[in-house]
Protein backbone atom coordinates (compact mmCIF):
# COMPACT_ATOMS: atom_id res chain seq x y z
CA MET A 1 -44.61 -32.64 34.95
CA SER A 2 -47.06 -32.31 32.11
CA LEU A 3 -48.51 -34.83 29.72
CA ALA A 4 -46.89 -32.97 26.82
CA LEU A 5 -43.46 -33.50 28.36
CA ILE A 6 -44.08 -37.23 28.81
CA VAL A 7 -45.28 -37.49 25.21
CA GLY A 8 -42.14 -35.62 24.13
CA TRP A 9 -39.93 -38.09 26.00
CA ALA A 10 -41.85 -40.98 24.42
CA LEU A 11 -41.40 -39.54 20.92
CA VAL A 12 -37.70 -38.99 21.50
CA GLY A 13 -37.48 -42.55 22.83
CA TRP A 14 -39.15 -43.90 19.69
CA CYS A 15 -36.87 -41.92 17.39
CA ALA A 16 -33.70 -42.92 19.24
CA THR A 17 -34.21 -46.65 18.73
CA PRO A 18 -32.13 -48.32 16.03
CA TRP A 19 -33.72 -48.75 12.63
CA ARG A 20 -34.99 -52.12 11.53
CA LYS A 21 -32.76 -53.78 8.97
CA TRP A 22 -33.91 -53.63 5.37
CA PRO A 23 -35.08 -55.82 3.77
CA PRO A 24 -36.95 -57.39 6.66
CA PRO A 25 -35.77 -60.86 7.60
CA PRO A 26 -37.95 -63.83 6.64
CA PRO A 27 -40.46 -65.18 9.16
CA PRO A 28 -40.39 -65.74 12.05
CA ASP A 29 -39.99 -62.01 12.56
CA PRO A 30 -37.48 -61.23 15.35
CA TRP A 31 -39.88 -59.04 17.37
CA TRP A 32 -38.27 -55.75 16.38
CA TRP A 33 -41.28 -53.85 17.70
CA ILE A 34 -40.52 -54.94 21.27
CA VAL A 35 -37.21 -53.10 21.04
CA ASN A 36 -39.09 -49.95 19.95
CA VAL A 37 -41.53 -50.20 22.86
CA VAL A 38 -38.61 -50.69 25.26
CA GLY A 39 -37.01 -47.61 23.68
CA VAL A 40 -40.13 -45.55 24.38
CA VAL A 41 -40.18 -46.69 28.02
CA GLY A 42 -36.45 -46.00 28.26
CA GLY A 43 -36.99 -42.53 26.82
CA ILE A 44 -39.62 -41.70 29.41
CA ALA A 45 -37.46 -43.11 32.21
CA GLY A 46 -34.32 -41.35 30.97
CA GLY A 47 -36.06 -38.00 30.66
CA TRP A 48 -37.53 -38.29 34.12
CA LEU A 49 -34.21 -39.44 35.64
CA PHE A 50 -32.25 -36.56 34.09
CA GLY A 51 -34.86 -34.15 35.37
CA GLN A 52 -34.51 -35.57 38.89
CA LEU A 53 -30.73 -35.92 38.78
CA PHE A 54 -30.01 -32.38 37.66
CA ALA A 55 -33.05 -30.79 39.37
CA VAL A 56 -33.96 -28.89 36.21
CA ASP A 57 -36.57 -26.18 35.96
CA LEU A 58 -39.16 -27.65 33.60
CA ALA A 59 -40.57 -24.19 32.96
CA ALA A 60 -37.33 -23.20 31.20
CA SER A 61 -36.52 -24.38 27.69
CA ALA A 62 -32.96 -25.35 28.72
CA GLY A 63 -34.39 -27.70 31.35
CA ILE A 64 -36.71 -29.31 28.84
CA LEU A 65 -33.84 -29.78 26.38
CA LEU A 66 -31.72 -31.41 29.08
CA THR A 67 -34.47 -33.89 29.84
CA MET A 68 -34.75 -34.67 26.11
CA VAL A 69 -31.03 -35.51 26.09
CA GLY A 70 -31.76 -37.84 28.99
CA ALA A 71 -34.61 -39.38 26.99
CA VAL A 72 -32.23 -40.10 24.10
CA ALA A 73 -29.68 -41.67 26.44
CA GLY A 74 -32.31 -43.75 28.25
CA SER A 75 -33.81 -44.95 24.99
CA ILE A 76 -30.49 -45.99 23.49
CA ILE A 77 -29.40 -47.83 26.62
CA ALA A 78 -32.74 -49.60 27.10
CA SER A 79 -33.11 -50.63 23.44
CA ASP A 80 -29.51 -51.87 23.27
CA VAL A 81 -30.00 -54.00 26.38
CA ALA A 82 -33.29 -55.37 25.01
CA GLY A 83 -31.66 -56.10 21.65
CA MET A 84 -28.78 -57.94 23.28
CA ALA A 85 -31.19 -59.97 25.42
CA MET A 86 -33.27 -60.92 22.37
CA ARG A 87 -30.21 -61.92 20.35
CA GLY A 88 -29.12 -64.11 23.24
CA ARG A 89 -32.53 -65.76 23.33
CA ASN A 90 -32.62 -66.36 19.56
CA ALA A 91 -29.00 -67.51 19.25
CA GLY A 92 -28.19 -71.11 18.69
């Protein structure tokens, strides 16, 4: 596993997080950046998990694309869970 692949998973994880609402809400800011960081970590974890689950050949472009799909899925799941947890904390 190369550093370029991990950076690719992180970039896919960042891009797969939901966009911040516009215009931004008034202070206190709801920590939207934490959801993006969680999305990056989820992208790295999802890419790695898909690579392990399907035993892909990372030298082939099809294997790299499959791990990128895993990075998207991991990022979306992780950022949704983090968003739901933060809404629960800020509710009320």
